[in-house]
Amino acid sequence: MAKVTHNLHVPLPRALHEQLRAESARSGRPATALAREAIEFWIQEQRRLAVHESIAEYAREMAGETDLDESLERAGAEHIARQRQKR
């Protein structure tokens, strides 16, 4: 089954175009492949950053809330303090 592709015309400044062509020549890979990989990388990075921001936002919203009830938290803190005293 043939892979369906779509073309995109992306005007590049001269310097960037020259750098892309030079990397293409250096690597022996088509400039279109390099450009496609760069776009894929950028999109993946944007998704990663969006997930990171969502997690950070959730953490900011949950800041100050405890996961444990107070008596369990106090018992854990006392246990840790006793362990440190034994050392």
PDB file of N, CA and C in Angstrom:
ATOM      1  N   MET A   1       0.847  -1.177   0.000  1.00  0.00           N
ATOM      2  CA  MET A   1       0.000   0.000   0.000  1.00  0.00           C
ATOM      3  C   MET A   1       0.894   1.244   0.000  1.00  0.00           C
ATOM      4  N   ALA A   2       0.662   2.162  -0.903  1.00  0.00           N
ATOM      5  CA  ALA A   2       1.462   3.378  -1.028  1.00  0.00           C
ATOM      6  C   ALA A   2       1.143   4.336   0.111  1.00  0.00           C
ATOM      7  N   LYS A   3       2.172   4.982   0.602  1.00  0.00           N
ATOM      8  CA  LYS A   3       2.016   5.960   1.669  1.00  0.00           C
ATOM      9  C   LYS A   3       1.555   7.287   1.066  1.00  0.00           C
ATOM     10  N   VAL A   4       0.460   7.823   1.558  1.00  0.00           N
ATOM     11  CA  VAL A   4      -0.070   9.077   1.053  1.00  0.00           C
ATOM     12  C   VAL A   4       0.735  10.225   1.669  1.00  0.00           C
ATOM     13  N   THR A   5       1.214  11.107   0.843  1.00  0.00           N
ATOM     14  CA  THR A   5       1.953  12.274   1.314  1.00  0.00           C
ATOM     15  C   THR A   5       1.331  13.535   0.749  1.00  0.00           C
ATOM     16  N   HIS A   6       1.603  14.628   1.409  1.00  0.00           N
ATOM     17  CA  HIS A   6       1.120  15.934   0.956  1.00  0.00           C
ATOM     18  C   HIS A   6       2.323  16.863   0.875  1.00  0.00           C
ATOM     19  N   ASN A   7       2.291  17.738  -0.072  1.00  0.00           N
ATOM     20  CA  ASN A   7       3.379  18.694  -0.244  1.00  0.00           C
ATOM     21  C   ASN A   7       3.055  20.001   0.466  1.00  0.00           C
ATOM     22  N   LEU A   8       4.102  20.647   0.915  1.00  0.00           N
ATOM     23  CA  LEU A   8       3.988  21.926   1.603  1.00  0.00           C
ATOM     24  C   LEU A   8       5.106  22.824   1.082  1.00  0.00           C
ATOM     25  N   HIS A   9       4.737  23.971   0.618  1.00  0.00           N
ATOM     26  CA  HIS A   9       5.731  24.937   0.135  1.00  0.00           C
ATOM     27  C   HIS A   9       6.122  25.830   1.300  1.00  0.00           C
ATOM     28  N   VAL A  10       7.402  25.797   1.661  1.00  0.00           N
ATOM     29  CA  VAL A  10       7.886  26.583   2.798  1.00  0.00           C
ATOM     30  C   VAL A  10       9.008  27.498   2.308  1.00  0.00           C
ATOM     31  N   PRO A  11       8.706  28.767   2.101  1.00  0.00           N
ATOM     32  CA  PRO A  11       9.769  29.707   1.714  1.00  0.00           C
ATOM     33  C   PRO A  11      10.782  29.849   2.858  1.00  0.00           C
ATOM     34  N   LEU A  12      12.053  29.745   2.518  1.00  0.00           N
ATOM     35  CA  LEU A  12      13.109  29.844   3.522  1.00  0.00           C
ATOM     36  C   LEU A  12      14.000  31.045   3.213  1.00  0.00           C
ATOM     37  N   PRO A  13      14.481  31.709   4.261  1.00  0.00           N
ATOM     38  CA  PRO A  13      15.484  32.747   4.035  1.00  0.00           C
ATOM     39  C   PRO A  13      16.719  32.111   3.382  1.00  0.00           C
ATOM     40  N   ARG A  14      17.437  32.893   2.613  1.00  0.00           N
ATOM     41  CA  ARG A  14      18.586  32.383   1.869  1.00  0.00           C
ATOM     42  C   ARG A  14      19.566  31.628   2.774  1.00  0.00           C
ATOM     43  N   ALA A  15      19.903  32.203   3.915  1.00  0.00           N
ATOM     44  CA  ALA A  15      20.901  31.580   4.797  1.00  0.00           C
ATOM     45  C   ALA A  15      20.425  30.209   5.287  1.00  0.00           C
ATOM     46  N   LEU A  16      19.176  30.112   5.659  1.00  0.00           N
ATOM     47  CA  LEU A  16      18.642  28.840   6.131  1.00  0.00           C
ATOM     48  C   LEU A  16      18.601  27.817   4.994  1.00  0.00           C
ATOM     49  N   HIS A  17      18.217  28.267   3.817  1.00  0.00           N
ATOM     50  CA  HIS A  17      18.185  27.376   2.658  1.00  0.00           C
ATOM     51  C   HIS A  17      19.583  26.851   2.351  1.00  0.00           C
ATOM     52  N   GLU A  18      20.567  27.717   2.427  1.00  0.00           N
ATOM     53  CA  GLU A  18      21.951  27.299   2.164  1.00  0.00           C
ATOM     54  C   GLU A  18      22.432  26.309   3.219  1.00  0.00           C
ATOM     55  N   GLN A  19      22.066  26.540   4.477  1.00  0.00           N
ATOM     56  CA  GLN A  19      22.452  25.613   5.549  1.00  0.00           C
ATOM     57  C   GLN A  19      21.796  24.245   5.338  1.00  0.00           C
ATOM     58  N   LEU A  20      20.534  24.245   4.944  1.00  0.00           N
ATOM     59  CA  LEU A  20      19.827  22.998   4.687  1.00  0.00           C
ATOM     60  C   LEU A  20      20.484  22.239   3.537  1.00  0.00           C
ATOM     61  N   ARG A  21      20.798  22.945   2.472  1.00  0.00           N
ATOM     62  CA  ARG A  21      21.459  22.308   1.315  1.00  0.00           C
ATOM     63  C   ARG A  21      22.839  21.774   1.698  1.00  0.00           C
ATOM     64  N   ALA A  22      23.573  22.534   2.501  1.00  0.00           N
ATOM     65  CA  ALA A  22      24.906  22.090   2.920  1.00  0.00           C
ATOM     66  C   ALA A  22      24.803  20.825   3.780  1.00  0.00           C
ATOM     67  N   GLU A  23      23.831  20.782   4.681  1.00  0.00           N
ATOM     68  CA  GLU A  23      23.649  19.589   5.518  1.00  0.00           C
ATOM     69  C   GLU A  23      23.205  18.410   4.667  1.00  0.00           C
ATOM     70  N   SER A  24      22.383  18.675   3.681  1.00  0.00           N
ATOM     71  CA  SER A  24      21.951  17.631   2.758  1.00  0.00           C
ATOM     72  C   SER A  24      23.156  17.034   2.030  1.00  0.00           C
ATOM     73  N   ALA A  25      24.023  17.888   1.538  1.00  0.00           N
ATOM     74  CA  ALA A  25      25.216  17.428   0.829  1.00  0.00           C
ATOM     75  C   ALA A  25      26.159  16.687   1.775  1.00  0.00           C
ATOM     76  N   ARG A  26      26.330  17.219   2.970  1.00  0.00           N
ATOM     77  CA  ARG A  26      27.231  16.603   3.943  1.00  0.00           C
ATOM     78  C   ARG A  26      26.744  15.208   4.342  1.00  0.00           C
ATOM     79  N   SER A  27      25.440  15.092   4.584  1.00  0.00           N
ATOM     80  CA  SER A  27      24.885  13.825   5.068  1.00  0.00           C
ATOM     81  C   SER A  27      24.511  12.865   3.947  1.00  0.00           C
ATOM     82  N   GLY A  28      24.423  13.391   2.718  1.00  0.00           N
ATOM     83  CA  GLY A  28      24.016  12.546   1.599  1.00  0.00           C
ATOM     84  C   GLY A  28      22.540  12.190   1.642  1.00  0.00           C
ATOM     85  N   ARG A  29      21.770  12.997   2.345  1.00  0.00           N
ATOM     86  CA  ARG A  29      20.332  12.768   2.467  1.00  0.00           C
ATOM     87  C   ARG A  29      19.578  13.918   1.815  1.00  0.00           C
ATOM     88  N   PRO A  30      18.410  13.637   1.263  1.00  0.00           N
ATOM     89  CA  PRO A  30      17.645  14.706   0.608  1.00  0.00           C
ATOM     90  C   PRO A  30      17.248  15.808   1.600  1.00  0.00           C
ATOM     91  N   ALA A  31      17.269  17.034   1.112  1.00  0.00           N
ATOM     92  CA  ALA A  31      16.880  18.169   1.952  1.00  0.00           C
ATOM     93  C   ALA A  31      15.440  18.022   2.434  1.00  0.00           C
ATOM     94  N   THR A  32      14.575  17.441   1.617  1.00  0.00           N
ATOM     95  CA  THR A  32      13.181  17.258   2.024  1.00  0.00           C
ATOM     96  C   THR A  32      13.087  16.306   3.218  1.00  0.00           C
ATOM     97  N   ALA A  33      13.914  15.271   3.240  1.00  0.00           N
ATOM     98  CA  ALA A  33      13.908  14.338   4.371  1.00  0.00           C
ATOM     99  C   ALA A  33      14.374  15.041   5.639  1.00  0.00           C
ATOM    100  N   LEU A  34      15.420  15.857   5.500  1.00  0.00           N
ATOM    101  CA  LEU A  34      15.923  16.592   6.661  1.00  0.00           C
ATOM    102  C   LEU A  34      14.872  17.569   7.185  1.00  0.00           C
ATOM    103  N   ALA A  35      14.209  18.264   6.272  1.00  0.00           N
ATOM    104  CA  ALA A  35      13.173  19.224   6.670  1.00  0.00           C
ATOM    105  C   ALA A  35      12.003  18.497   7.337  1.00  0.00           C
ATOM    106  N   ARG A  36      11.606  17.368   6.798  1.00  0.00           N
ATOM    107  CA  ARG A  36      10.501  16.590   7.370  1.00  0.00           C
ATOM    108  C   ARG A  36      10.853  16.135   8.800  1.00  0.00           C
ATOM    109  N   GLU A  37      12.079  15.648   8.985  1.00  0.00           N
ATOM    110  CA  GLU A  37      12.517  15.223  10.313  1.00  0.00           C
ATOM    111  C   GLU A  37      12.544  16.389  11.292  1.00  0.00           C
ATOM    112  N   ALA A  38      12.981  17.540  10.824  1.00  0.00           N
ATOM    113  CA  ALA A  38      13.026  18.717  11.691  1.00  0.00           C
ATOM    114  C   ALA A  38      11.612  19.129  12.111  1.00  0.00           C
ATOM    115  N   ILE A  39      10.678  19.065  11.190  1.00  0.00           N
ATOM    116  CA  ILE A  39       9.285  19.415  11.502  1.00  0.00           C
ATOM    117  C   ILE A  39       8.696  18.399  12.475  1.00  0.00           C
ATOM    118  N   GLU A  40       8.938  17.105  12.231  1.00  0.00           N
ATOM    119  CA  GLU A  40       8.445  16.064  13.140  1.00  0.00           C
ATOM    120  C   GLU A  40       9.008  16.250  14.543  1.00  0.00           C
ATOM    121  N   PHE A  41      10.309  16.541  14.632  1.00  0.00           N
ATOM    122  CA  PHE A  41      10.945  16.765  15.930  1.00  0.00           C
ATOM    123  C   PHE A  41      10.303  17.946  16.640  1.00  0.00           C
ATOM    124  N   TRP A  42      10.083  19.039  15.918  1.00  0.00           N
ATOM    125  CA  TRP A  42       9.493  20.236  16.516  1.00  0.00           C
ATOM    126  C   TRP A  42       8.085  19.938  17.041  1.00  0.00           C
ATOM    127  N   ILE A  43       7.292  19.215  16.264  1.00  0.00           N
ATOM    128  CA  ILE A  43       5.929  18.885  16.699  1.00  0.00           C
ATOM    129  C   ILE A  43       5.973  18.001  17.942  1.00  0.00           C
ATOM    130  N   GLN A  44       6.842  16.998  17.961  1.00  0.00           N
ATOM    131  CA  GLN A  44       6.972  16.145  19.144  1.00  0.00           C
ATOM    132  C   GLN A  44       7.392  16.958  20.360  1.00  0.00           C
ATOM    133  N   GLU A  45       8.304  17.894  20.163  1.00  0.00           N
ATOM    134  CA  GLU A  45       8.763  18.746  21.271  1.00  0.00           C
ATOM    135  C   GLU A  45       7.629  19.624  21.788  1.00  0.00           C
ATOM    136  N   GLN A  46       6.805  20.145  20.898  1.00  0.00           N
ATOM    137  CA  GLN A  46       5.671  20.959  21.329  1.00  0.00           C
ATOM    138  C   GLN A  46       4.692  20.122  22.140  1.00  0.00           C
ATOM    139  N   ARG A  47       4.445  18.902  21.717  1.00  0.00           N
ATOM    140  CA  ARG A  47       3.560  18.003  22.475  1.00  0.00           C
ATOM    141  C   ARG A  47       4.146  17.700  23.843  1.00  0.00           C
ATOM    142  N   ARG A  48       5.461  17.422  23.878  1.00  0.00           N
ATOM    143  CA  ARG A  48       6.131  17.139  25.154  1.00  0.00           C
ATOM    144  C   ARG A  48       6.025  18.327  26.091  1.00  0.00           C
ATOM    145  N   LEU A  49       6.235  19.522  25.564  1.00  0.00           N
ATOM    146  CA  LEU A  49       6.138  20.731  26.378  1.00  0.00           C
ATOM    147  C   LEU A  49       4.706  20.954  26.871  1.00  0.00           C
ATOM    148  N   ALA A  50       3.715  20.635  26.040  1.00  0.00           N
ATOM    149  CA  ALA A  50       2.315  20.787  26.453  1.00  0.00           C
ATOM    150  C   ALA A  50       1.978  19.832  27.587  1.00  0.00           C
ATOM    151  N   VAL A  51       2.469  18.603  27.514  1.00  0.00           N
ATOM    152  CA  VAL A  51       2.242  17.645  28.602  1.00  0.00           C
ATOM    153  C   VAL A  51       2.934  18.129  29.868  1.00  0.00           C
ATOM    154  N   HIS A  52       4.173  18.594  29.725  1.00  0.00           N
ATOM    155  CA  HIS A  52       4.913  19.113  30.875  1.00  0.00           C
ATOM    156  C   HIS A  52       4.153  20.272  31.518  1.00  0.00           C
ATOM    157  N   GLU A  53       3.645  21.167  30.706  1.00  0.00           N
ATOM    158  CA  GLU A  53       2.906  22.321  31.234  1.00  0.00           C
ATOM    159  C   GLU A  53       1.615  21.870  31.913  1.00  0.00           C
ATOM    160  N   SER A  54       0.944  20.880  31.358  1.00  0.00           N
ATOM    161  CA  SER A  54      -0.274  20.365  31.986  1.00  0.00           C
ATOM    162  C   SER A  54       0.025  19.772  33.351  1.00  0.00           C
ATOM    163  N   ILE A  55       1.108  19.020  33.440  1.00  0.00           N
ATOM    164  CA  ILE A  55       1.506  18.438  34.728  1.00  0.00           C
ATOM    165  C   ILE A  55       1.878  19.533  35.714  1.00  0.00           C
ATOM    166  N   ALA A  56       2.626  20.531  35.251  1.00  0.00           N
ATOM    167  CA  ALA A  56       3.025  21.638  36.130  1.00  0.00           C
ATOM    168  C   ALA A  56       1.802  22.412  36.616  1.00  0.00           C
ATOM    169  N   GLU A  57       0.840  22.626  35.734  1.00  0.00           N
ATOM    170  CA  GLU A  57      -0.384  23.330  36.117  1.00  0.00           C
ATOM    171  C   GLU A  57      -1.149  22.530  37.169  1.00  0.00           C
ATOM    172  N   TYR A  58      -1.250  21.232  36.974  1.00  0.00           N
ATOM    173  CA  TYR A  58      -1.921  20.371  37.949  1.00  0.00           C
ATOM    174  C   TYR A  58      -1.202  20.445  39.294  1.00  0.00           C
ATOM    175  N   ALA A  59       0.125  20.395  39.263  1.00  0.00           N
ATOM    176  CA  ALA A  59       0.900  20.472  40.507  1.00  0.00           C
ATOM    177  C   ALA A  59       0.668  21.806  41.204  1.00  0.00           C
ATOM    178  N   ARG A  60       0.600  22.901  40.440  1.00  0.00           N
ATOM    179  CA  ARG A  60       0.333  24.215  41.055  1.00  0.00           C
ATOM    180  C   ARG A  60      -1.052  24.240  41.695  1.00  0.00           C
ATOM    181  N   GLU A  61      -2.033  23.634  41.013  1.00  0.00           N
ATOM    182  CA  GLU A  61      -3.392  23.606  41.551  1.00  0.00           C
ATOM    183  C   GLU A  61      -3.487  22.754  42.818  1.00  0.00           C
ATOM    184  N   MET A  62      -2.698  21.686  42.879  1.00  0.00           N
ATOM    185  CA  MET A  62      -2.761  20.757  44.009  1.00  0.00           C
ATOM    186  C   MET A  62      -1.804  21.139  45.136  1.00  0.00           C
ATOM    187  N   ALA A  63      -0.974  22.138  44.926  1.00  0.00           N
ATOM    188  CA  ALA A  63       0.016  22.527  45.938  1.00  0.00           C
ATOM    189  C   ALA A  63      -0.663  22.822  47.265  1.00  0.00           C
ATOM    190  N   GLY A  64      -0.075  22.294  48.303  1.00  0.00           N
ATOM    191  CA  GLY A  64      -0.605  22.539  49.639  1.00  0.00           C
ATOM    192  C   GLY A  64      -1.559  21.467  50.108  1.00  0.00           C
ATOM    193  N   GLU A  65      -2.048  20.639  49.210  1.00  0.00           N
ATOM    194  CA  GLU A  65      -2.922  19.553  49.623  1.00  0.00           C
ATOM    195  C   GLU A  65      -2.064  18.357  49.989  1.00  0.00           C
ATOM    196  N   THR A  66      -2.504  17.598  50.994  1.00  0.00           N
ATOM    197  CA  THR A  66      -1.745  16.427  51.411  1.00  0.00           C
ATOM    198  C   THR A  66      -2.397  15.167  50.875  1.00  0.00           C
ATOM    199  N   ASP A  67      -1.578  14.166  50.651  1.00  0.00           N
ATOM    200  CA  ASP A  67      -2.068  12.878  50.189  1.00  0.00           C
ATOM    201  C   ASP A  67      -2.484  11.984  51.362  1.00  0.00           C
ATOM    202  N   LEU A  68      -1.927  12.262  52.535  1.00  0.00           N
ATOM    203  CA  LEU A  68      -2.156  11.408  53.692  1.00  0.00           C
ATOM    204  C   LEU A  68      -3.036  12.109  54.714  1.00  0.00           C
ATOM    205  N   ASP A  69      -3.730  11.322  55.524  1.00  0.00           N
ATOM    206  CA  ASP A  69      -4.464  11.959  56.606  1.00  0.00           C
ATOM    207  C   ASP A  69      -3.456  12.393  57.668  1.00  0.00           C
ATOM    208  N   GLU A  70      -3.847  13.315  58.512  1.00  0.00           N
ATOM    209  CA  GLU A  70      -2.905  13.927  59.453  1.00  0.00           C
ATOM    210  C   GLU A  70      -2.272  12.919  60.401  1.00  0.00           C
ATOM    211  N   SER A  71      -3.041  11.966  60.933  1.00  0.00           N
ATOM    212  CA  SER A  71      -2.472  11.007  61.889  1.00  0.00           C
ATOM    213  C   SER A  71      -1.455  10.093  61.213  1.00  0.00           C
ATOM    214  N   LEU A  72      -1.725   9.670  59.995  1.00  0.00           N
ATOM    215  CA  LEU A  72      -0.781   8.833  59.268  1.00  0.00           C
ATOM    216  C   LEU A  72       0.474   9.625  58.914  1.00  0.00           C
ATOM    217  N   GLU A  73       0.298  10.867  58.525  1.00  0.00           N
ATOM    218  CA  GLU A  73       1.444  11.716  58.209  1.00  0.00           C
ATOM    219  C   GLU A  73       2.307  11.942  59.444  1.00  0.00           C
ATOM    220  N   ARG A  74       1.670  12.199  60.597  1.00  0.00           N
ATOM    221  CA  ARG A  74       2.394  12.409  61.863  1.00  0.00           C
ATOM    222  C   ARG A  74       3.151  11.138  62.246  1.00  0.00           C
ATOM    223  N   ALA A  75       2.509   9.969  62.111  1.00  0.00           N
ATOM    224  CA  ALA A  75       3.162   8.703  62.439  1.00  0.00           C
ATOM    225  C   ALA A  75       4.381   8.476  61.557  1.00  0.00           C
ATOM    226  N   GLY A  76       4.258   8.794  60.282  1.00  0.00           N
ATOM    227  CA  GLY A  76       5.392   8.651  59.374  1.00  0.00           C
ATOM    228  C   GLY A  76       6.536   9.573  59.746  1.00  0.00           C
ATOM    229  N   ALA A  77       6.225  10.801  60.092  1.00  0.00           N
ATOM    230  CA  ALA A  77       7.257  11.764  60.484  1.00  0.00           C
ATOM    231  C   ALA A  77       7.948  11.312  61.757  1.00  0.00           C
ATOM    232  N   GLU A  78       7.182  10.781  62.711  1.00  0.00           N
ATOM    233  CA  GLU A  78       7.776  10.297  63.964  1.00  0.00           C
ATOM    234  C   GLU A  78       8.685   9.094  63.698  1.00  0.00           C
ATOM    235  N   HIS A  79       8.272   8.217  62.823  1.00  0.00           N
ATOM    236  CA  HIS A  79       9.084   7.058  62.472  1.00  0.00           C
ATOM    237  C   HIS A  79      10.416   7.499  61.860  1.00  0.00           C
ATOM    238  N   ILE A  80      10.353   8.437  60.949  1.00  0.00           N
ATOM    239  CA  ILE A  80      11.587   8.946  60.319  1.00  0.00           C
ATOM    240  C   ILE A  80      12.489   9.574  61.366  1.00  0.00           C
ATOM    241  N   ALA A  81      11.911  10.358  62.298  1.00  0.00           N
ATOM    242  CA  ALA A  81      12.706  11.000  63.348  1.00  0.00           C
ATOM    243  C   ALA A  81      13.389   9.947  64.219  1.00  0.00           C
ATOM    244  N   ARG A  82      12.668   8.870  64.555  1.00  0.00           N
ATOM    245  CA  ARG A  82      13.283   7.809  65.381  1.00  0.00           C
ATOM    246  C   ARG A  82      14.417   7.117  64.624  1.00  0.00           C
ATOM    247  N   GLN A  83      14.239   6.900  63.333  1.00  0.00           N
ATOM    248  CA  GLN A  83      15.277   6.263  62.530  1.00  0.00           C
ATOM    249  C   GLN A  83      16.546   7.116  62.494  1.00  0.00           C
ATOM    250  N   ARG A  84      16.378   8.417  62.402  1.00  0.00           N
ATOM    251  CA  ARG A  84      17.532   9.321  62.372  1.00  0.00           C
ATOM    252  C   ARG A  84      18.251   9.347  63.721  1.00  0.00           C
ATOM    253  N   GLN A  85      17.472   9.233  64.805  1.00  0.00           N
ATOM    254  CA  GLN A  85      18.078   9.243  66.149  1.00  0.00           C
ATOM    255  C   GLN A  85      18.918   7.987  66.381  1.00  0.00           C
ATOM    256  N   LYS A  86      18.545   6.866  65.766  1.00  0.00           N
ATOM    257  CA  LYS A  86      19.269   5.605  65.940  1.00  0.00           C
ATOM    258  C   LYS A  86      20.639   5.647  65.283  1.00  0.00           C
ATOM    259  N   ARG A  87      20.835   6.494  64.334  1.00  0.00           N
ATOM    260  CA  ARG A  87      22.103   6.553  63.591  1.00  0.00           C
ATOM    261  C   ARG A  87      23.166   7.134  64.400  1.00  0.00           C
TER     262      ARG A  87
END
